[in-house]
N, C-alpha and C. Protein backbone atom coordinates (compact mmCIF):
# COMPACT_ATOMS: atom_id res chain seq x y z
N VAL A 1 0.85 -1.17 0.00
CA VAL A 1 0.00 0.00 0.00
C VAL A 1 0.89 1.23 0.00
N LEU A 2 0.60 2.12 -0.90
CA LEU A 2 1.30 3.39 -0.99
C LEU A 2 0.25 4.47 -0.87
N ALA A 3 0.30 5.25 0.16
CA ALA A 3 -0.65 6.34 0.36
C ALA A 3 0.00 7.64 -0.08
N THR A 4 -0.48 8.18 -1.18
CA THR A 4 0.07 9.45 -1.67
C THR A 4 -0.70 10.60 -1.05
N GLY A 5 -0.18 11.76 -1.14
CA GLY A 5 -0.93 12.95 -0.76
C GLY A 5 -1.95 13.24 -1.83
N GLY A 6 -2.98 14.00 -1.48
CA GLY A 6 -4.03 14.32 -2.43
C GLY A 6 -3.56 15.09 -3.64
N GLY A 7 -2.45 15.81 -3.49
CA GLY A 7 -1.92 16.60 -4.59
C GLY A 7 -1.15 15.79 -5.62
N CYS A 8 -0.99 14.52 -5.38
CA CYS A 8 -0.27 13.65 -6.31
C CYS A 8 -0.87 13.72 -7.71
N VAL A 9 -2.17 13.90 -7.79
CA VAL A 9 -2.87 13.88 -9.08
C VAL A 9 -2.65 15.14 -9.91
N VAL A 10 -2.11 16.18 -9.34
CA VAL A 10 -1.92 17.41 -10.11
C VAL A 10 -0.66 17.36 -10.97
N THR A 11 0.12 16.31 -10.84
CA THR A 11 1.31 16.11 -11.66
C THR A 11 1.05 14.91 -12.57
N PRO A 12 0.74 15.16 -13.85
CA PRO A 12 0.37 14.06 -14.76
C PRO A 12 1.43 12.96 -14.86
N GLU A 13 2.69 13.31 -14.70
CA GLU A 13 3.76 12.31 -14.79
C GLU A 13 3.66 11.24 -13.71
N ASN A 14 2.90 11.51 -12.65
CA ASN A 14 2.75 10.52 -11.58
C ASN A 14 1.88 9.33 -11.99
N LEU A 15 0.97 9.53 -12.94
CA LEU A 15 0.04 8.46 -13.32
C LEU A 15 0.75 7.20 -13.81
N PRO A 16 1.62 7.27 -14.82
CA PRO A 16 2.27 6.04 -15.27
C PRO A 16 3.18 5.43 -14.21
N LEU A 17 3.78 6.26 -13.39
CA LEU A 17 4.65 5.75 -12.33
C LEU A 17 3.85 4.96 -11.31
N LEU A 18 2.70 5.45 -10.94
CA LEU A 18 1.85 4.74 -9.99
C LEU A 18 1.26 3.47 -10.61
N HIS A 19 0.87 3.55 -11.86
CA HIS A 19 0.25 2.39 -12.52
C HIS A 19 1.24 1.25 -12.73
N CYS A 20 2.50 1.54 -12.87
CA CYS A 20 3.45 0.45 -13.10
C CYS A 20 3.70 -0.34 -11.82
N ASN A 21 3.23 0.15 -10.69
CA ASN A 21 3.47 -0.52 -9.42
C ASN A 21 2.24 -1.19 -8.83
N GLY A 22 1.09 -1.09 -9.48
CA GLY A 22 -0.10 -1.73 -8.93
C GLY A 22 -1.38 -1.01 -9.32
N GLU A 23 -2.42 -1.32 -8.57
CA GLU A 23 -3.74 -0.74 -8.79
C GLU A 23 -3.86 0.56 -8.00
N ILE A 24 -4.62 1.49 -8.54
CA ILE A 24 -4.86 2.77 -7.86
C ILE A 24 -6.30 2.77 -7.37
N VAL A 25 -6.46 2.95 -6.07
CA VAL A 25 -7.79 2.96 -5.46
C VAL A 25 -8.05 4.35 -4.88
N TRP A 26 -9.18 4.91 -5.27
CA TRP A 26 -9.61 6.21 -4.74
C TRP A 26 -10.50 5.92 -3.56
N LEU A 27 -10.03 6.27 -2.37
CA LEU A 27 -10.84 6.11 -1.16
C LEU A 27 -11.71 7.35 -1.01
N LEU A 28 -13.01 7.15 -1.08
CA LEU A 28 -13.96 8.25 -0.97
C LEU A 28 -14.49 8.33 0.46
N ARG A 29 -14.49 9.51 1.01
CA ARG A 29 -14.98 9.73 2.38
C ARG A 29 -15.65 11.09 2.43
N GLU A 30 -16.68 11.21 3.24
CA GLU A 30 -17.34 12.51 3.39
C GLU A 30 -16.31 13.55 3.80
N LEU A 31 -16.35 14.70 3.15
CA LEU A 31 -15.35 15.73 3.41
C LEU A 31 -15.32 16.19 4.86
N ASN A 32 -16.47 16.23 5.51
CA ASN A 32 -16.50 16.69 6.89
C ASN A 32 -15.90 15.67 7.85
N ARG A 33 -15.58 14.47 7.35
CA ARG A 33 -14.96 13.44 8.18
C ARG A 33 -13.45 13.35 7.96
N LEU A 34 -12.92 14.20 7.09
CA LEU A 34 -11.48 14.20 6.83
C LEU A 34 -10.78 15.14 7.81
N PRO A 35 -9.72 14.67 8.45
CA PRO A 35 -8.99 15.55 9.36
C PRO A 35 -8.20 16.60 8.60
N THR A 36 -8.07 17.77 9.19
CA THR A 36 -7.26 18.82 8.57
C THR A 36 -6.07 19.21 9.45
N ASP A 37 -5.98 18.64 10.65
CA ASP A 37 -4.84 18.94 11.52
C ASP A 37 -3.55 18.50 10.83
N GLY A 38 -2.56 19.39 10.84
CA GLY A 38 -1.28 19.08 10.21
C GLY A 38 -1.32 19.11 8.70
N ARG A 39 -2.39 19.63 8.13
CA ARG A 39 -2.53 19.71 6.67
C ARG A 39 -2.78 21.17 6.30
N PRO A 40 -1.70 21.94 6.17
CA PRO A 40 -1.84 23.39 5.94
C PRO A 40 -2.69 23.76 4.73
N LEU A 41 -2.53 23.05 3.63
CA LEU A 41 -3.31 23.40 2.44
C LEU A 41 -4.79 23.15 2.65
N SER A 42 -5.12 22.04 3.31
CA SER A 42 -6.54 21.75 3.60
C SER A 42 -7.12 22.81 4.52
N ARG A 43 -6.35 23.23 5.49
CA ARG A 43 -6.83 24.25 6.43
C ARG A 43 -6.97 25.61 5.74
N GLN A 44 -6.01 25.93 4.89
CA GLN A 44 -6.01 27.23 4.22
C GLN A 44 -7.07 27.31 3.11
N THR A 45 -7.10 26.31 2.25
CA THR A 45 -7.97 26.33 1.08
C THR A 45 -9.34 25.73 1.37
N GLY A 46 -9.36 24.73 2.22
CA GLY A 46 -10.60 24.03 2.53
C GLY A 46 -10.72 22.75 1.72
N ALA A 47 -11.16 21.69 2.37
CA ALA A 47 -11.27 20.40 1.71
C ALA A 47 -12.25 20.44 0.53
N ALA A 48 -13.34 21.17 0.67
CA ALA A 48 -14.33 21.22 -0.41
C ALA A 48 -13.75 21.86 -1.67
N GLU A 49 -12.99 22.91 -1.51
CA GLU A 49 -12.39 23.57 -2.67
C GLU A 49 -11.32 22.69 -3.31
N LEU A 50 -10.50 22.05 -2.51
CA LEU A 50 -9.49 21.14 -3.06
C LEU A 50 -10.16 20.00 -3.81
N TYR A 51 -11.22 19.45 -3.24
CA TYR A 51 -11.95 18.36 -3.90
C TYR A 51 -12.55 18.83 -5.22
N ARG A 52 -13.14 20.00 -5.22
CA ARG A 52 -13.74 20.55 -6.44
C ARG A 52 -12.69 20.64 -7.55
N LYS A 53 -11.49 21.08 -7.21
CA LYS A 53 -10.43 21.24 -8.20
C LYS A 53 -9.83 19.90 -8.64
N ARG A 54 -9.87 18.89 -7.77
CA ARG A 54 -9.14 17.65 -8.05
C ARG A 54 -10.01 16.44 -8.37
N ALA A 55 -11.30 16.49 -8.17
CA ALA A 55 -12.16 15.31 -8.30
C ALA A 55 -12.00 14.62 -9.66
N ALA A 56 -12.02 15.37 -10.73
CA ALA A 56 -11.87 14.76 -12.06
C ALA A 56 -10.51 14.08 -12.20
N LEU A 57 -9.49 14.67 -11.61
CA LEU A 57 -8.16 14.07 -11.67
C LEU A 57 -8.11 12.77 -10.85
N TYR A 58 -8.72 12.80 -9.66
CA TYR A 58 -8.78 11.58 -8.86
C TYR A 58 -9.44 10.46 -9.67
N GLY A 59 -10.54 10.79 -10.31
CA GLY A 59 -11.26 9.80 -11.11
C GLY A 59 -10.45 9.27 -12.28
N SER A 60 -9.67 10.15 -12.92
CA SER A 60 -8.87 9.71 -14.06
C SER A 60 -7.70 8.82 -13.64
N PHE A 61 -7.21 8.98 -12.43
CA PHE A 61 -6.11 8.16 -11.93
C PHE A 61 -6.60 6.80 -11.45
N ALA A 62 -7.81 6.73 -10.94
CA ALA A 62 -8.29 5.56 -10.20
C ALA A 62 -8.65 4.37 -11.09
N ASP A 63 -8.22 3.19 -10.65
CA ASP A 63 -8.68 1.94 -11.24
C ASP A 63 -9.97 1.49 -10.54
N PHE A 64 -10.06 1.81 -9.26
CA PHE A 64 -11.21 1.44 -8.43
C PHE A 64 -11.55 2.62 -7.53
N ARG A 65 -12.81 2.65 -7.11
CA ARG A 65 -13.27 3.62 -6.11
C ARG A 65 -13.85 2.83 -4.95
N LEU A 66 -13.55 3.29 -3.75
CA LEU A 66 -14.02 2.59 -2.56
C LEU A 66 -14.61 3.58 -1.58
N GLU A 67 -15.90 3.41 -1.27
CA GLU A 67 -16.55 4.23 -0.25
C GLU A 67 -15.96 3.87 1.10
N ASN A 68 -15.47 4.86 1.81
CA ASN A 68 -14.80 4.65 3.08
C ASN A 68 -15.53 5.45 4.17
N GLY A 69 -16.64 4.90 4.63
CA GLY A 69 -17.42 5.60 5.63
C GLY A 69 -17.28 5.03 7.02
N GLY A 70 -16.51 3.97 7.16
CA GLY A 70 -16.40 3.30 8.46
C GLY A 70 -15.02 3.40 9.05
N THR A 71 -14.65 2.33 9.72
CA THR A 71 -13.36 2.27 10.40
C THR A 71 -12.27 1.87 9.39
N PRO A 72 -11.00 2.09 9.76
CA PRO A 72 -9.92 1.62 8.89
C PRO A 72 -9.99 0.12 8.64
N ASP A 73 -10.36 -0.66 9.66
CA ASP A 73 -10.45 -2.10 9.49
C ASP A 73 -11.54 -2.47 8.48
N GLU A 74 -12.68 -1.80 8.56
CA GLU A 74 -13.75 -2.04 7.60
C GLU A 74 -13.32 -1.68 6.18
N ALA A 75 -12.62 -0.57 6.05
CA ALA A 75 -12.15 -0.14 4.73
C ALA A 75 -11.14 -1.15 4.18
N ALA A 76 -10.24 -1.65 5.02
CA ALA A 76 -9.25 -2.64 4.57
C ALA A 76 -9.92 -3.91 4.10
N LYS A 77 -10.96 -4.36 4.81
CA LYS A 77 -11.68 -5.57 4.40
C LYS A 77 -12.41 -5.35 3.07
N LYS A 78 -13.03 -4.19 2.91
CA LYS A 78 -13.71 -3.88 1.66
C LYS A 78 -12.70 -3.82 0.51
N LEU A 79 -11.55 -3.22 0.78
CA LEU A 79 -10.51 -3.11 -0.24
C LEU A 79 -9.99 -4.48 -0.65
N ALA A 80 -9.75 -5.35 0.30
CA ALA A 80 -9.28 -6.70 -0.01
C ALA A 80 -10.30 -7.42 -0.89
N GLY A 81 -11.57 -7.30 -0.57
CA GLY A 81 -12.61 -7.92 -1.40
C GLY A 81 -12.66 -7.32 -2.79
N LEU A 82 -12.53 -6.02 -2.87
CA LEU A 82 -12.54 -5.33 -4.16
C LEU A 82 -11.40 -5.82 -5.04
N LEU A 83 -10.22 -5.91 -4.48
CA LEU A 83 -9.05 -6.33 -5.26
C LEU A 83 -9.11 -7.81 -5.63
N ARG A 84 -9.86 -8.61 -4.87
CA ARG A 84 -10.06 -10.02 -5.22
C ARG A 84 -11.20 -10.19 -6.23
N GLY A 85 -11.86 -9.08 -6.58
CA GLY A 85 -12.96 -9.15 -7.52
C GLY A 85 -14.29 -9.52 -6.92
N GLU A 86 -14.42 -9.37 -5.61
CA GLU A 86 -15.65 -9.75 -4.91
C GLU A 86 -16.66 -8.61 -4.81
N ALA A 87 -16.24 -7.41 -5.10
CA ALA A 87 -17.15 -6.27 -4.92
C ALA A 87 -17.71 -5.81 -6.24
């Protein structure tokens, strides 16, 4: 698992580099549930504005999308099933 920052998608050269190493999963979560502590750009610009600017890019990078409304353990189980083709 490689967790990139949200700004990874603004550099087009990152797409082939990420794809050569595996599948790209876009974890979707309600914006009001995303932490902003320690994230200066999110605090300054706001998660909604960043999402508005990046959503199409996230979608173009993603091989899969995963709704992440629960716990990390629940998300990991859903992800494992998705990657096994069960979802």
